[in-house]
Amino acid sequence: MANILIVDDSSLIRETLKAILTEAGHAVIAEAGNGYEACMEFDKHQPDLVTMDINMPYMNGLEALDTIMCKHPHAKVIMVSNEVRNSFINQSLHLGAKSYIMKPFDIQGVVTTVNKILQCGNHISTAGLQSIYTKISSL
């Protein structure tokens, strides 16, 4: 079981992820609706993993990711977005995100990605990145 921070400006998305992750045996210890809150909640709770939306008000997910990774270089952050631009994926990974989950959610894919990052902590594999690019190209 891992302690997880969910960051998304949509309460519906937060509730959906919370249901998926708690069903998988994890504890959602905090939620945030924007990047600024995400940084504060991360400092306060030191979660094992963060799911982070990209497009949010006040401070977007990329800015929050950068801030968190500068202070906590071993943080495990998975970006969650419906953004289909390769530049967002590349920038996320460059800033230290461990993986990238596309909306709408594939429940098993979310659980598998979260568990894999918690176990090994590695960045997304080349095959995983190619799979995301292939999905994007088909959209």
Protein backbone atom coordinates (compact mmCIF):
# COMPACT_ATOMS: atom_id res chain seq x y z
CA MET A 1 0.00 0.00 0.00
CA ALA A 2 1.27 3.45 -0.93
CA ASN A 3 0.32 6.93 0.21
CA ILE A 4 -0.78 8.94 -2.82
CA LEU A 5 -1.46 12.62 -3.56
CA ILE A 6 -3.95 13.22 -6.39
CA VAL A 7 -3.71 16.56 -8.21
CA ASP A 8 -6.36 17.63 -10.70
CA ASP A 9 -8.58 20.68 -11.04
CA SER A 10 -11.58 18.43 -11.73
CA SER A 11 -13.17 16.97 -8.60
CA LEU A 12 -14.71 14.24 -10.80
CA ILE A 13 -11.26 13.15 -12.01
CA ARG A 14 -9.91 13.23 -8.45
CA GLU A 15 -12.80 11.07 -7.24
CA THR A 16 -12.35 8.64 -10.15
CA LEU A 17 -8.63 8.24 -9.49
CA LYS A 18 -9.26 7.94 -5.76
CA ALA A 19 -11.74 5.10 -6.36
CA ILE A 20 -9.33 3.30 -8.72
CA LEU A 21 -6.36 3.65 -6.38
CA THR A 22 -8.15 2.77 -3.14
CA GLU A 23 -9.70 -0.28 -4.82
CA ALA A 24 -6.13 -1.28 -5.73
CA GLY A 25 -5.14 -1.08 -2.05
CA HIS A 26 -3.51 2.35 -1.92
CA ALA A 27 -4.33 5.25 0.40
CA VAL A 28 -5.12 8.67 -1.02
CA ILE A 29 -3.75 10.87 1.75
CA ALA A 30 -4.33 14.24 0.09
CA GLU A 31 -5.82 15.95 -2.93
CA ALA A 32 -5.10 19.26 -4.63
CA GLY A 33 -6.93 21.27 -7.28
CA ASN A 34 -3.96 23.15 -8.72
CA GLY A 35 -0.18 23.08 -8.87
CA TYR A 36 0.31 25.53 -6.02
CA GLU A 37 -1.78 23.37 -3.68
CA ALA A 38 0.08 20.31 -4.97
CA CYS A 39 3.42 21.72 -3.86
CA MET A 40 2.05 22.58 -0.40
CA GLU A 41 0.41 19.14 0.01
CA PHE A 42 3.56 17.36 -1.14
CA ASP A 43 5.69 19.22 1.41
CA LYS A 44 3.13 18.53 4.12
CA HIS A 45 2.52 14.81 3.47
CA GLN A 46 5.61 13.54 1.59
CA PRO A 47 3.53 11.00 -0.40
CA ASP A 48 4.99 7.89 -1.99
CA LEU A 49 3.51 8.90 -5.34
CA VAL A 50 1.70 11.81 -7.00
CA THR A 51 -0.70 11.78 -9.92
CA MET A 52 -0.54 15.23 -11.53
CA ASP A 53 -2.78 16.83 -14.14
CA ILE A 54 -1.07 19.20 -16.57
CA ASN A 55 -3.68 21.89 -17.29
CA MET A 56 -4.71 23.56 -14.04
CA PRO A 57 -5.25 27.13 -12.84
CA TYR A 58 -2.77 29.22 -10.79
CA MET A 59 0.16 26.88 -11.38
CA ASN A 60 0.01 24.17 -14.03
CA GLY A 61 1.20 20.61 -13.55
CA LEU A 62 4.50 21.10 -15.35
CA GLU A 63 5.40 24.04 -13.11
CA ALA A 64 4.37 22.07 -10.02
CA LEU A 65 6.35 19.04 -11.21
CA ASP A 66 9.44 21.20 -11.67
CA THR A 67 9.01 22.75 -8.20
CA ILE A 68 8.49 19.39 -6.50
CA MET A 69 11.41 17.71 -8.28
CA CYS A 70 13.78 20.57 -7.41
CA LYS A 71 13.02 20.18 -3.71
CA HIS A 72 12.47 16.40 -3.73
CA PRO A 73 14.50 14.83 -6.57
CA HIS A 74 13.41 11.30 -5.69
CA ALA A 75 9.68 12.09 -5.85
CA LYS A 76 7.57 9.76 -7.95
CA VAL A 77 5.18 11.76 -10.10
CA ILE A 78 2.93 10.38 -12.83
CA MET A 79 1.45 12.96 -15.17
CA VAL A 80 -2.23 12.54 -16.01
CA SER A 81 -3.68 14.40 -18.96
CA ASN A 82 -5.80 14.37 -22.05
CA GLU A 83 -3.15 16.49 -23.77
CA VAL A 84 -2.05 14.74 -26.92
CA ARG A 85 0.95 16.88 -27.81
CA ASN A 86 4.30 15.09 -27.77
CA SER A 87 5.89 18.24 -26.36
CA PHE A 88 3.93 17.86 -23.09
CA ILE A 89 5.01 14.24 -22.73
CA ASN A 90 8.65 15.03 -23.48
CA GLN A 91 8.69 18.04 -21.15
CA SER A 92 7.06 16.01 -18.36
CA LEU A 93 9.64 13.25 -18.64
CA HIS A 94 12.49 15.77 -18.92
CA LEU A 95 11.33 17.46 -15.69
CA GLY A 96 11.34 14.12 -13.85
CA ALA A 97 7.91 12.56 -14.26
CA LYS A 98 8.12 8.79 -14.05
CA SER A 99 5.28 8.09 -16.47
CA TYR A 100 2.29 9.58 -18.26
CA ILE A 101 -1.33 8.39 -18.09
CA MET A 102 -3.81 9.46 -20.74
CA LYS A 103 -7.43 10.45 -20.04
CA PRO A 104 -9.92 8.87 -20.35
CA PHE A 105 -8.62 6.23 -17.98
CA ASP A 106 -7.99 2.59 -18.64
CA ILE A 107 -8.47 1.34 -15.07
CA GLN A 108 -6.08 -1.60 -15.35
CA GLY A 109 -3.54 0.63 -17.09
CA VAL A 110 -3.65 3.14 -14.22
CA VAL A 111 -3.18 0.42 -11.60
CA THR A 112 -0.38 -1.25 -13.56
CA THR A 113 1.46 2.05 -14.12
CA VAL A 114 1.15 3.13 -10.49
CA ASN A 115 2.30 -0.24 -9.17
CA LYS A 116 5.22 -0.41 -11.60
CA ILE A 117 6.46 3.07 -10.62
CA LEU A 118 6.08 2.26 -6.92
CA GLN A 119 8.05 -0.97 -7.34
CA CYS A 120 10.90 0.11 -9.56
CA GLY A 121 10.65 3.91 -9.72
CA ASN A 122 12.07 3.99 -13.23
CA HIS A 123 11.11 6.43 -15.91
CA ILE A 124 8.71 5.21 -18.55
CA SER A 125 10.28 2.67 -20.86
CA THR A 126 11.00 3.36 -24.51
CA ALA A 127 8.29 0.84 -25.40
CA GLY A 128 5.85 2.63 -23.10
CA LEU A 129 6.70 5.99 -24.61
CA GLN A 130 6.26 4.55 -28.11
CA SER A 131 2.85 3.23 -27.06
CA ILE A 132 1.82 6.72 -25.95
CA TYR A 133 3.07 8.25 -29.21
CA THR A 134 1.15 5.62 -31.19
CA LYS A 135 -2.03 6.44 -29.24
CA ILE A 136 -1.52 10.14 -29.87
CA SER A 137 -0.92 9.62 -33.59
CA SER A 138 -4.18 7.70 -33.91
CA LEU A 139 -6.20 10.56 -32.36
